[in-house]
Protein backbone atom coordinates (compact mmCIF):
# COMPACT_ATOMS: atom_id res chain seq x y z
CA UNK A 1 52.28 0.10 14.82
CA UNK A 2 54.69 0.92 18.50
CA UNK A 3 58.12 0.19 19.20
CA UNK A 4 57.18 -3.27 20.74
CA UNK A 5 55.04 -4.39 17.47
CA UNK A 6 57.88 -3.91 15.86
CA UNK A 7 60.26 -5.91 17.52
CA UNK A 8 57.98 -8.59 17.89
CA UNK A 9 57.08 -8.91 14.29
CA UNK A 10 52.85 -7.61 15.11
CA UNK A 11 51.90 -5.43 12.61
CA UNK A 12 48.68 -3.24 12.19
CA UNK A 13 46.54 -3.55 9.48
CA UNK A 14 45.60 0.10 8.15
CA UNK A 15 41.86 0.15 7.99
CA UNK A 16 39.93 -0.49 4.78
CA UNK A 17 38.85 2.81 2.55
CA UNK A 18 35.22 2.44 1.55
CA UNK A 19 34.24 5.38 -0.22
CA UNK A 20 36.08 4.83 -3.92
CA UNK A 21 33.04 1.92 -3.93
CA UNK A 22 30.92 4.52 -5.52
CA UNK A 23 32.81 5.14 -8.51
CA UNK A 24 31.65 1.97 -9.33
CA UNK A 25 28.14 3.39 -9.98
CA UNK A 26 29.40 5.74 -12.44
CA UNK A 27 31.69 3.41 -14.44
CA UNK A 28 28.69 0.63 -14.75
CA UNK A 29 27.32 2.24 -17.88
CA UNK A 30 31.26 2.09 -19.38
CA UNK A 31 30.97 -1.64 -18.65
CA UNK A 32 28.32 -2.02 -19.66
CA UNK A 33 28.44 -0.56 -23.02
CA UNK A 34 32.50 -0.75 -23.42
CA UNK A 35 32.75 -3.99 -22.14
CA UNK A 36 29.35 -5.38 -23.17
CA UNK A 37 29.14 -7.10 -19.35
CA UNK A 38 26.29 -6.91 -17.48
CA UNK A 39 26.03 -7.00 -13.97
CA UNK A 40 25.92 -10.59 -12.71
CA UNK A 41 23.65 -9.65 -10.13
CA UNK A 42 26.00 -10.97 -7.20
CA UNK A 43 28.71 -9.06 -5.70
CA UNK A 44 30.16 -9.66 -2.11
CA UNK A 45 32.17 -8.24 0.60
CA UNK A 46 34.99 -10.36 1.99
CA UNK A 47 36.17 -10.37 5.48
CA UNK A 48 39.45 -11.75 6.55
CA UNK A 49 38.53 -14.68 9.88
CA UNK A 50 37.99 -13.46 13.27
CA UNK A 51 37.53 -16.46 15.96
CA UNK A 52 34.06 -15.12 17.67
CA UNK A 53 30.54 -14.75 16.12
CA UNK A 54 30.90 -10.74 16.09
CA UNK A 55 30.34 -11.29 12.41
CA UNK A 56 27.10 -13.07 12.54
CA UNK A 57 25.49 -10.08 14.94
CA UNK A 58 26.64 -7.45 11.77
CA UNK A 59 24.89 -10.22 9.53
CA UNK A 60 21.97 -9.50 11.13
CA UNK A 61 22.38 -5.92 11.86
CA UNK A 62 22.98 -5.73 7.71
CA UNK A 63 19.81 -7.78 7.12
CA UNK A 64 17.50 -5.49 9.89
CA UNK A 65 19.01 -2.86 8.17
CA UNK A 66 18.23 -3.78 4.48
CA UNK A 67 14.79 -4.70 5.45
CA UNK A 68 13.83 -1.40 6.83
CA UNK A 69 14.65 -0.27 3.25
CA UNK A 70 11.51 -2.36 2.36
CA UNK A 71 10.98 -2.83 -1.46
CA UNK A 72 13.14 -0.08 -2.44
CA UNK A 73 15.83 -2.50 -1.67
CA UNK A 74 16.06 -5.50 -3.47
CA UNK A 75 18.92 -7.44 -3.25
CA UNK A 76 18.93 -10.45 -0.65
CA UNK A 77 21.76 -11.42 2.02
CA UNK A 78 23.46 -14.44 2.68
CA UNK A 79 26.70 -15.30 4.16
CA UNK A 80 29.23 -17.83 3.32
CA UNK A 81 32.40 -19.25 4.75
CA UNK A 82 35.07 -20.15 1.65
CA UNK A 83 37.82 -23.10 2.03
CA UNK A 84 40.52 -20.78 2.86
CA UNK A 85 38.35 -19.24 5.85
CA UNK A 86 37.36 -15.89 4.59
CA UNK A 87 34.04 -14.84 5.26
CA UNK A 88 31.70 -13.25 1.98
CA UNK A 89 28.58 -11.64 3.00
CA UNK A 90 26.63 -11.89 -0.22
CA UNK A 91 24.16 -9.71 -2.01
CA UNK A 92 22.18 -11.01 -4.46
CA UNK A 93 20.10 -9.14 -7.09
CA UNK A 94 19.64 -7.78 -10.19
CA UNK A 95 20.30 -3.77 -9.25
CA UNK A 96 23.79 -2.84 -9.30
CA UNK A 97 22.99 0.12 -7.11
CA UNK A 98 21.50 -1.85 -3.91
CA UNK A 99 24.66 -4.08 -4.23
CA UNK A 100 27.02 -0.80 -3.82
CA UNK A 101 25.31 0.15 -1.32
CA UNK A 102 24.49 -3.03 0.59
CA UNK A 103 28.72 -3.07 0.66
CA UNK A 104 29.33 0.16 1.76
CA UNK A 105 26.74 -0.26 4.53
CA UNK A 106 28.55 -3.65 5.57
CA UNK A 107 31.65 -1.88 5.35
CA UNK A 108 30.65 0.99 7.81
CA UNK A 109 28.96 -1.47 9.94
CA UNK A 110 31.96 -3.22 10.37
CA UNK A 111 34.29 0.29 10.84
CA UNK A 112 31.85 1.02 13.85
CA UNK A 113 32.00 -2.39 14.86
CA UNK A 114 36.07 -2.25 15.51
CA UNK A 115 36.68 -4.75 12.72
CA UNK A 116 38.13 -2.28 9.47
CA UNK A 117 41.07 -4.30 9.39
CA UNK A 118 39.11 -7.34 8.74
CA UNK A 119 38.14 -5.80 5.16
CA UNK A 120 39.59 -7.22 2.62
CA UNK A 121 37.61 -7.07 -0.93
CA UNK A 122 34.57 -6.12 -2.31
CA UNK A 123 34.42 -8.40 -5.33
CA UNK A 124 31.70 -7.81 -8.49
CA UNK A 125 30.03 -10.57 -10.49
CA UNK A 126 30.02 -9.54 -14.14
CA UNK A 127 29.51 -11.68 -17.21
CA UNK A 128 32.00 -13.79 -17.30
CA UNK A 129 34.50 -12.04 -15.14
CA UNK A 130 34.66 -10.11 -12.18
CA UNK A 131 35.22 -6.45 -10.57
CA UNK A 132 37.37 -6.19 -7.65
CA UNK A 133 37.91 -3.74 -5.19
CA UNK A 134 40.64 -3.75 -2.71
CA UNK A 135 39.66 -1.86 0.78
CA UNK A 136 43.44 -1.30 1.65
CA UNK A 137 44.49 -0.24 -1.84
CA UNK A 138 40.94 2.03 -2.35
CA UNK A 139 41.44 0.44 -6.14
CA UNK A 140 39.68 -1.55 -8.58
CA UNK A 141 41.50 -4.83 -10.81
CA UNK A 142 40.08 -7.00 -12.77
CA UNK A 143 39.79 -10.69 -12.53
CA UNK A 144 39.27 -12.80 -15.56
CA UNK A 145 39.54 -16.61 -14.29
CA UNK A 146 39.99 -18.92 -17.24
CA UNK A 147 39.65 -23.14 -16.30
CA UNK A 148 41.48 -24.32 -12.94
CA UNK A 149 43.62 -21.85 -11.38
CA UNK A 150 44.36 -20.18 -14.97
CA UNK A 151 43.38 -16.37 -15.48
CA UNK A 152 43.01 -14.30 -18.68
CA UNK A 153 45.59 -12.16 -18.14
CA UNK A 154 45.36 -9.98 -21.48
CA UNK A 155 41.77 -9.84 -21.15
CA UNK A 156 42.30 -8.12 -17.75
CA UNK A 157 44.41 -5.64 -18.89
CA UNK A 158 42.15 -4.91 -21.53
CA UNK A 159 39.12 -4.09 -19.08
CA UNK A 160 41.51 -1.88 -17.01
CA UNK A 161 42.71 -0.02 -19.84
CA UNK A 162 39.05 0.12 -20.40
CA UNK A 163 38.08 1.34 -17.07
CA UNK A 164 40.79 3.32 -16.43
CA UNK A 165 39.60 6.96 -16.82
CA UNK A 166 36.40 5.78 -14.87
CA UNK A 167 37.46 3.91 -11.78
CA UNK A 168 40.51 4.35 -9.64
CA UNK A 169 42.44 1.36 -10.96
CA UNK A 170 45.36 -0.98 -9.19
CA UNK A 171 48.12 -0.03 -11.49
CA UNK A 172 50.50 -2.85 -10.50
CA UNK A 173 49.30 -6.47 -11.33
CA UNK A 174 51.44 -7.79 -8.84
CA UNK A 175 48.47 -6.85 -6.49
CA UNK A 176 45.65 -8.25 -8.73
CA UNK A 177 45.44 -11.28 -6.25
CA UNK A 178 42.80 -13.58 -7.25
CA UNK A 179 40.10 -15.03 -5.65
CA UNK A 180 39.96 -18.33 -6.91
CA UNK A 181 36.12 -20.51 -6.52
CA UNK A 182 33.88 -17.60 -5.18
CA UNK A 183 30.43 -18.07 -3.56
CA UNK A 184 29.47 -15.73 -5.70
């Protein structure tokens, strides 16, 4: 950030960190056994809205790239824009590894396209809760919605404690931002 950016209140967001996402592959067994939660067949990458068609082109590139994988890659890809204007690239399929790889490829394509600062979060659905990865903080945190705009914080803390040795977990609960009504 330069002097004029600081003077005029403009800030540049740091690029998203994507490599820690693969830690979820090794934590999957802990999630299944210790938390008795299977992968809910949906995961998504959440992006800050951009006022152009670049995301559409990148989404097409993602779909083309995944189709090259053929039968080995089982996830289907779709996009959505939520009521807050955030753009979601959603992967649907039974294999958690496919979701992780698809999200990582998507993040890499966005970085290559100059949109690294648009990466906000990756979200994975499990039984009745979600695991969110913050690209800015390179850390995971649980989100357990309970009714309308309420969350089960005690369960979130238990999930964090269970996964603390398996995943880089966000230590500050004030940074556990809820993603209400996700399209996954």
